[in-house]
Protein backbone atom coordinates (compact mmCIF):
# COMPACT_ATOMS: atom_id res chain seq x y z
CA MET A 1 0.00 0.00 0.00
CA THR A 2 1.48 3.35 -1.00
CA LYS A 3 1.65 6.47 1.15
CA SER A 4 -0.98 8.14 -1.05
CA ALA A 5 -3.31 5.22 -0.41
CA GLU A 6 -2.78 5.61 3.32
CA THR A 7 -4.06 9.20 3.23
CA LYS A 8 -7.42 7.97 1.89
CA HIS A 9 -8.14 6.18 5.17
CA LEU A 10 -9.51 7.93 8.23
CA ARG A 11 -7.40 5.55 10.27
CA SER A 12 -4.91 3.26 8.57
CA PRO A 13 -4.08 -0.08 10.23
CA SER A 14 -0.52 -0.46 11.42
CA GLU A 15 0.56 -2.62 8.46
CA ILE A 16 -0.25 0.31 6.17
CA LYS A 17 0.81 3.13 8.46
CA PHE A 18 4.22 1.54 9.07
CA ALA A 19 4.53 -0.29 5.74
CA GLU A 20 7.90 1.24 4.82
CA GLU A 21 9.39 0.37 8.19
CA LEU A 22 8.06 -3.18 8.05
CA ASP A 23 9.43 -3.63 4.52
CA TRP A 24 12.83 -2.44 5.68
CA LEU A 25 12.81 -4.75 8.70
CA GLU A 26 11.98 -7.72 6.46
CA SER A 27 14.88 -6.87 4.20
CA GLN A 28 17.28 -6.81 7.18
CA ASP A 29 15.90 -9.80 9.06
CA THR A 30 18.06 -12.92 8.83
CA SER A 31 16.96 -14.56 12.10
CA PRO A 32 14.72 -17.65 12.18
CA LYS A 33 11.00 -16.93 11.94
CA PRO A 34 8.29 -19.16 13.45
CA PHE A 35 5.71 -20.58 11.04
CA THR A 36 4.75 -18.07 8.34
CA TRP A 37 5.69 -14.99 10.37
CA ARG A 38 7.05 -12.13 8.30
CA LEU A 39 9.51 -11.06 11.02
CA SER A 40 11.55 -12.84 13.67
CA PRO A 41 10.69 -12.34 17.36
CA ARG A 42 13.62 -9.97 17.90
CA MET A 43 12.57 -7.77 14.97
CA ILE A 44 8.98 -7.77 16.17
CA ARG A 45 10.14 -6.54 19.56
CA ALA A 46 12.20 -3.80 17.90
CA PHE A 47 9.20 -2.76 15.78
CA VAL A 48 6.88 -2.49 18.80
CA LEU A 49 9.27 -1.11 21.43
CA GLY A 50 11.69 0.79 19.23
CA SER A 51 15.23 -0.20 18.35
CA ALA A 52 18.09 -0.46 20.84
CA PRO A 53 21.84 -0.50 20.10
CA SER A 54 21.88 -4.23 20.90
CA ASP A 55 19.55 -4.85 17.93
CA GLY A 56 22.38 -3.94 15.56
CA LEU A 57 20.12 -2.04 13.16
CA SER A 58 21.43 0.73 10.91
CA ARG A 59 18.43 2.99 11.51
CA LYS A 60 16.51 4.03 14.58
CA LEU A 61 12.97 2.71 15.02
CA GLU A 62 10.57 4.78 17.10
CA GLN A 63 8.77 3.23 20.04
CA LYS A 64 5.07 2.59 19.31
CA TRP A 65 3.83 0.90 22.47
CA TYR A 66 4.96 2.02 25.90
CA GLY A 67 5.13 -0.39 28.77
CA ASP A 68 7.15 -3.19 30.32
CA PRO A 69 9.28 -4.83 27.59
CA GLY A 70 8.66 -8.15 29.34
CA ILE A 71 4.97 -7.89 28.44
CA VAL A 72 5.80 -7.65 24.74
CA GLU A 73 8.31 -10.48 24.90
CA ARG A 74 5.87 -12.78 26.70
CA ALA A 75 3.16 -11.91 24.18
CA ILE A 76 5.44 -12.82 21.26
CA VAL A 77 6.52 -16.08 22.87
CA THR A 78 2.89 -17.00 23.58
CA LEU A 79 1.87 -16.47 19.95
CA ALA A 80 4.64 -18.80 18.84
CA SER A 81 3.24 -21.50 21.13
CA ASP A 82 0.09 -23.59 21.01
CA ARG A 83 -1.85 -21.23 23.25
CA GLY A 84 -3.67 -18.04 22.38
CA LEU A 85 -2.86 -14.67 23.93
CA LEU A 86 -5.33 -12.89 26.24
CA LEU A 87 -4.45 -9.28 27.05
CA ILE A 88 -6.24 -8.09 30.19
CA GLY A 89 -6.35 -4.58 31.60
CA ASP A 90 -8.39 -1.50 32.40
CA PRO A 91 -9.95 0.45 29.52
CA GLY A 92 -7.44 2.60 27.66
CA THR A 93 -4.29 0.74 28.65
CA GLY A 94 -3.27 -0.04 25.06
CA LYS A 95 -4.42 -3.66 24.78
CA SER A 96 -5.92 -3.28 21.31
CA TRP A 97 -3.03 -1.15 20.10
CA LEU A 98 -0.52 -3.80 21.18
CA ALA A 99 -2.62 -6.54 19.55
CA GLU A 100 -2.72 -4.57 16.30
CA LEU A 101 1.03 -3.93 16.28
CA LEU A 102 1.83 -7.58 16.94
CA SER A 103 -0.52 -8.76 14.18
CA ALA A 104 0.91 -6.24 11.71
CA ALA A 105 4.49 -7.30 12.45
CA MET A 106 3.78 -11.03 12.34
CA CYS A 107 1.55 -11.33 9.30
CA ARG A 108 1.11 -7.83 7.81
CA ASN A 109 -2.63 -7.96 8.43
CA SER A 110 -4.28 -6.81 11.66
CA THR A 111 -7.83 -6.58 10.31
CA TYR A 112 -9.15 -10.10 11.01
CA VAL A 113 -11.09 -8.83 14.02
CA VAL A 114 -14.22 -9.99 15.85
CA GLN A 115 -15.69 -7.33 18.14
CA GLY A 116 -17.19 -8.93 21.19
CA THR A 117 -20.53 -7.58 22.42
CA ALA A 118 -23.58 -8.91 24.22
CA GLY A 119 -25.06 -9.51 20.76
CA THR A 120 -22.12 -11.41 19.25
CA THR A 121 -23.22 -14.79 17.91
CA GLU A 122 -21.41 -18.04 17.17
CA ASP A 123 -21.60 -17.53 13.41
CA GLN A 124 -19.61 -14.31 13.77
CA ILE A 125 -16.81 -16.44 15.20
CA LYS A 126 -17.10 -19.40 12.82
CA TYR A 127 -19.14 -18.86 9.64
CA SER A 128 -22.51 -17.86 8.23
CA TRP A 129 -24.32 -18.22 4.90
CA ASN A 130 -25.22 -16.03 1.96
CA VAL A 131 -28.97 -16.60 2.15
CA SER A 132 -29.75 -15.63 -1.45
CA MET A 133 -27.09 -18.01 -2.80
CA VAL A 134 -28.31 -20.80 -0.53
CA ILE A 135 -31.86 -20.37 -1.85
CA ALA A 136 -30.65 -20.33 -5.45
CA LYS A 137 -27.99 -23.06 -5.38
CA GLY A 138 -28.02 -24.64 -1.95
CA GLN A 139 -25.30 -24.68 0.68
CA SER A 140 -21.79 -24.85 -0.76
CA GLN A 141 -18.34 -23.39 -0.27
CA GLU A 142 -19.39 -20.53 -2.56
CA SER A 143 -22.34 -19.59 -0.34
CA LEU A 144 -20.30 -19.86 2.86
CA ILE A 145 -19.31 -16.58 4.54
CA PRO A 146 -16.21 -17.20 6.66
CA SER A 147 -15.73 -15.22 9.86
CA PRO A 148 -12.54 -13.18 10.37
CA ILE A 149 -11.29 -15.99 12.61
CA MET A 150 -11.90 -18.65 9.94
CA THR A 151 -10.20 -16.44 7.34
CA ALA A 152 -7.19 -16.15 9.65
CA MET A 153 -7.16 -19.94 10.07
CA ARG A 154 -7.09 -20.46 6.30
CA GLY A 155 -4.29 -17.95 5.87
CA GLY A 156 -2.16 -19.10 8.78
CA VAL A 157 -2.20 -15.62 10.32
CA ILE A 158 -3.33 -13.90 13.52
CA GLY A 159 -7.02 -13.45 14.31
CA ARG A 160 -8.10 -10.90 16.91
CA PHE A 161 -11.03 -11.02 19.33
CA GLU A 162 -11.80 -7.71 21.04
CA GLU A 163 -13.61 -7.61 24.41
CA LEU A 164 -13.98 -11.37 24.73
CA THR A 165 -15.68 -11.18 28.14
CA ARG A 166 -18.51 -9.05 26.76
CA CYS A 167 -19.79 -12.12 24.89
CA THR A 168 -22.07 -14.62 26.56
CA SER A 169 -20.50 -17.82 27.86
CA ASP A 170 -21.93 -20.10 25.15
CA VAL A 171 -20.53 -17.81 22.44
CA GLN A 172 -17.14 -17.68 24.15
CA ASP A 173 -17.03 -21.47 24.28
CA SER A 174 -17.33 -21.71 20.50
CA LEU A 175 -13.65 -20.73 20.55
CA ILE A 176 -12.66 -23.84 22.51
CA SER A 177 -12.58 -26.22 19.55
CA ILE A 178 -10.84 -23.62 17.41
CA MET A 179 -8.14 -23.07 20.01
CA SER A 180 -7.64 -26.76 20.87
CA GLU A 181 -8.38 -28.73 17.69
CA LYS A 182 -7.31 -25.99 15.24
CA TYR A 183 -10.13 -26.67 12.84
CA VAL A 184 -13.77 -25.76 12.24
CA SER A 185 -16.27 -28.38 11.12
CA ILE A 186 -19.05 -27.39 8.70
CA PRO A 187 -21.70 -30.11 9.15
CA GLU A 188 -24.04 -28.55 6.58
CA LEU A 189 -21.66 -29.61 3.80
CA SER A 190 -21.17 -33.23 2.74
CA ASP A 191 -17.74 -32.68 1.13
CA ASP A 192 -14.85 -30.37 1.95
CA ASN A 193 -16.51 -29.71 5.27
CA ILE A 194 -13.55 -29.05 7.55
CA VAL A 195 -11.41 -25.91 7.59
CA PHE A 196 -8.00 -26.62 9.10
CA ALA A 197 -5.82 -23.90 10.52
CA ARG A 198 -2.53 -23.40 8.71
CA PRO A 199 0.72 -23.03 10.68
CA GLY A 200 1.00 -19.47 11.97
CA PHE A 201 -2.62 -19.18 13.03
CA ASN A 202 -3.30 -17.97 16.54
CA VAL A 203 -5.68 -15.67 18.38
CA ILE A 204 -5.05 -12.46 20.30
CA ALA A 205 -8.00 -11.66 22.55
CA THR A 206 -8.52 -8.67 24.81
CA ALA A 207 -10.59 -8.41 27.97
CA ASN A 208 -11.55 -5.44 30.10
CA SER A 209 -10.66 -6.07 33.73
CA ARG A 210 -13.67 -3.95 34.74
CA ASP A 211 -15.93 -6.55 33.12
CA ARG A 212 -14.72 -9.30 35.46
CA GLY A 213 -17.74 -11.19 36.75
CA VAL A 214 -19.97 -10.21 33.81
CA ASN A 215 -19.19 -13.16 31.55
CA ASP A 216 -16.28 -15.01 33.10
CA LEU A 217 -14.36 -17.40 30.86
CA SER A 218 -14.92 -21.09 31.42
CA SER A 219 -12.05 -23.13 32.83
CA ALA A 220 -11.75 -24.95 29.51
CA LEU A 221 -11.32 -21.70 27.59
CA LYS A 222 -8.92 -20.24 30.14
CA ARG A 223 -6.61 -23.21 29.58
CA ARG A 224 -6.38 -22.30 25.90
CA PHE A 225 -4.96 -18.83 26.62
CA ASN A 226 -1.91 -17.36 28.28
CA PHE A 227 -2.99 -14.35 30.34
CA VAL A 228 -0.91 -11.17 30.08
CA HIS A 229 -1.99 -8.27 32.29
CA ILE A 230 -1.51 -4.71 31.02
CA PRO A 231 -1.26 -2.25 33.94
CA ILE A 232 -2.27 1.40 33.92
CA VAL A 233 0.72 3.63 33.20
CA THR A 234 1.68 5.46 36.40
CA ASN A 235 5.11 6.73 35.39
CA LYS A 236 4.53 10.39 34.48
CA LYS A 237 7.47 10.58 32.08
CA ILE A 238 6.29 7.55 30.12
CA GLU A 239 2.68 8.73 30.15
CA THR A 240 3.75 12.11 28.77
CA ARG A 241 5.56 10.39 25.90
CA ILE A 242 2.51 8.25 25.12
CA ILE A 243 0.19 11.25 25.12
CA LYS A 244 2.48 13.27 22.82
CA PHE A 245 2.94 10.35 20.41
CA ARG A 246 -0.73 9.40 20.12
CA THR A 247 -2.12 12.94 20.09
CA ALA A 248 0.23 14.00 17.30
CA ASP A 249 -0.87 10.94 15.33
CA LEU A 250 -4.56 11.73 15.81
CA LEU A 251 -4.16 15.40 14.91
CA LYS A 252 -2.65 14.47 11.55
CA ARG A 253 -6.19 13.62 10.43
CA ASN A 254 -6.86 17.37 10.41
CA ALA A 255 -3.41 18.21 9.03
CA PHE A 256 -2.45 19.84 12.33
CA ASP A 257 1.14 19.83 13.49
CA VAL A 258 0.83 21.41 16.92
CA GLU A 259 3.58 21.76 19.49
CA ILE A 260 2.10 21.35 22.97
CA ALA A 261 3.73 23.46 25.66
CA PRO A 262 5.54 21.15 28.13
CA ALA A 263 3.97 23.03 31.07
CA LEU A 264 0.46 22.19 29.82
CA LEU A 265 1.39 18.54 29.31
CA ASP A 266 2.66 18.49 32.89
CA ILE A 267 -0.64 19.94 34.11
CA LEU A 268 -2.64 17.31 32.21
CA VAL A 269 -0.54 14.38 33.43
CA GLN A 270 -0.44 15.67 37.01
CA THR A 271 -4.21 16.23 37.08
CA PHE A 272 -4.87 12.67 35.91
CA ALA A 273 -2.41 11.34 38.50
CA ASP A 274 -4.20 13.34 41.23
CA LEU A 275 -7.60 12.13 40.03
CA ARG A 276 -6.41 8.52 40.18
CA ASP A 277 -5.15 9.03 43.73
CA ALA A 278 -8.48 10.56 44.72
CA SER A 279 -10.33 7.65 43.12
CA ALA A 280 -8.15 5.09 44.92
CA ASN A 281 -8.87 6.75 48.26
CA ALA A 282 -12.63 7.07 47.69
CA SER A 283 -14.84 4.87 49.86
CA SER A 284 -17.67 4.33 47.35
CA ASP A 285 -18.39 4.47 43.61
CA ASP A 286 -20.42 7.66 44.07
CA GLN A 287 -17.19 9.34 45.20
CA ARG A 288 -15.32 8.28 42.07
CA LEU A 289 -15.61 9.52 38.50
CA GLU A 290 -17.13 7.01 36.11
CA SER A 291 -14.19 7.50 33.74
CA PRO A 292 -11.40 4.90 34.05
CA LEU A 293 -8.90 7.80 34.08
CA SER A 294 -6.64 5.92 31.67
CA THR A 295 -3.96 7.35 29.43
CA ALA A 296 -6.39 6.99 26.53
CA GLU A 297 -8.76 9.39 28.33
CA ALA A 298 -5.93 11.89 28.73
CA ILE A 299 -5.17 11.63 25.01
CA ALA A 300 -8.83 12.28 24.15
CA VAL A 301 -8.90 15.33 26.44
CA LEU A 302 -5.77 16.81 24.86
CA GLU A 303 -7.00 16.15 21.32
CA ASP A 304 -10.33 17.82 22.10
CA ALA A 305 -8.58 20.84 23.64
CA VAL A 306 -6.23 21.30 20.68
CA LEU A 307 -9.03 20.98 18.12
CA HIS A 308 -11.18 23.48 20.01
CA SER A 309 -8.28 25.93 20.15
CA GLN A 310 -7.57 25.52 16.44
CA PHE A 311 -11.18 25.91 15.34
CA PHE A 312 -12.62 28.40 17.83
CA GLY A 313 -9.77 29.92 19.84
CA LYS A 314 -6.14 30.79 19.50
CA ALA A 315 -3.81 28.57 17.54
CA ASP A 316 -1.72 27.83 20.60
CA LEU A 317 -3.28 25.67 23.28
CA GLU A 318 -4.10 27.59 26.46
CA PRO A 319 -4.72 26.33 30.02
CA GLY A 320 -8.37 27.34 29.89
CA ALA A 321 -9.10 25.23 26.84
CA LEU A 322 -7.38 22.25 28.46
CA ALA A 323 -9.43 22.58 31.64
CA THR A 324 -12.69 22.93 29.73
CA ALA A 325 -11.92 19.82 27.66
CA LEU A 326 -10.96 17.85 30.77
CA VAL A 327 -14.14 18.69 32.66
CA GLY A 328 -16.31 18.12 29.58
CA GLY A 329 -14.63 14.79 28.82
CA LEU A 330 -14.63 13.30 32.31
CA VAL A 331 -17.99 14.44 33.70
CA ARG A 332 -20.50 11.84 32.49
CA ARG A 333 -22.93 11.17 35.32
CA LEU A 334 -25.15 13.96 36.54
CA PRO A 335 -25.00 15.02 39.29
CA GLU A 336 -22.53 12.47 40.75
CA ASP A 337 -19.52 13.26 38.56
CA VAL A 338 -20.07 17.02 38.90
CA SER A 339 -19.98 16.67 42.67
CA VAL A 340 -16.81 14.53 42.59
CA MET A 341 -15.04 16.87 40.16
CA ASN A 342 -16.12 20.00 42.04
CA LYS A 343 -14.73 18.65 45.30
CA PHE A 344 -11.50 17.64 43.60
CA TRP A 345 -11.12 21.00 41.89
CA HIS A 346 -11.65 23.08 45.04
CA SER A 347 -9.14 21.02 46.97
CA VAL A 348 -6.37 19.59 44.81
CA VAL A 349 -6.42 21.93 41.78
CA ASP A 350 -6.85 25.06 43.89
CA ARG A 351 -3.92 23.99 46.03
CA ARG A 352 -1.71 23.58 42.97
CA ALA A 353 -2.95 26.91 41.57
CA LYS A 354 -1.37 28.70 44.56
CA ALA A 355 2.03 27.84 43.10
CA GLY A 356 1.25 30.17 40.18
CA GLY A 357 1.99 29.67 36.51
CA ASP A 358 -0.65 28.17 34.20
CA TRP A 359 -2.38 26.37 37.08
CA GLY A 360 -4.32 29.53 38.00
CA GLU A 361 -5.97 29.90 34.60
CA PHE A 362 -6.51 26.12 34.48
CA ALA A 363 -8.29 26.18 37.86
CA ALA A 364 -10.53 29.12 36.97
CA ALA A 365 -11.58 27.67 33.61
CA GLY A 366 -12.42 24.32 35.18
CA LYS A 367 -14.73 25.95 37.73
CA LYS A 368 -16.45 27.89 34.96
CA ALA A 369 -16.96 24.68 32.94
CA MET A 370 -18.48 22.91 35.94
CA SER A 371 -20.76 25.88 36.63
CA SER A 372 -22.17 25.67 33.10
CA ILE A 373 -22.82 21.92 33.46
CA LYS A 374 -24.77 22.39 36.71
CA ARG A 375 -27.24 24.81 35.13
């Protein structure tokens, strides 16, 4: 896919966005590769985490996913084994982004995705039928509609299953035979009625830790996955780098190349850290914001603030716009979230505002935003 083709997509998958880098890595990769993988494990790690001097590469690769390198290494090892990979964590911790990057590096296709919901059915995991063709010619391979997972099996590549625990237990269990036997039987057909997985096939699933207890996985399905937990980023330096990287990427959709003042980034990261501390110390859910307060939420707040400044304010982001976006993005329940945010603002933010700088304007704008919500 060319660069010009990439610009036609609202959001290009990683195999298109980083196509040139992946091509270069393939040309340099002489290490053994499992199955039909396009890159070796070491090159996949360099692609996801960025290159290090020990990789011996002649060009620097930028880091794309931020977190414990051991998480990435364990994920790669798991996908080379007989078990699937289940990434578990709070909303916004980068589970889907890591799954996409791994799929793109391993098989240059991250789009074989099933989105788990309460309405997901077994045929969305296995196969369905083209009804008009079945009526006209009967059931056959031509009238079969393979699921993304079945397509991944046929191609010997990675299939992805987002929000696995949002599916009902009987739908989840349709994965058991796929994960253990590595084939799907099609009893409606008399001939050619088994689809076998080619070497290289595996599944990356994600699960929201806040959904625990909603649709727990059966013991049989748990045995088919290696669990890798993705923690919330608490290191402020790393979180700042993530926010800058992802926000710049998102703003490219509007052809904006905005330099965010470091002081405002510090305010955003510190406010989210303070909100998490307040949430951890709260004694009930009514004293916590409904938002998971993840890094993804911080990215959304910053993007909203920059876009508002570009379209309706000054070109440079100001503290007031950041505060307004933060309050507007995190207050969801009325009146509970307004009460929680108001208490937080008059204690923690006001205390920081006494130190001067941009905190004063940030504090005042946040109070004004909350006042307009309460009306």
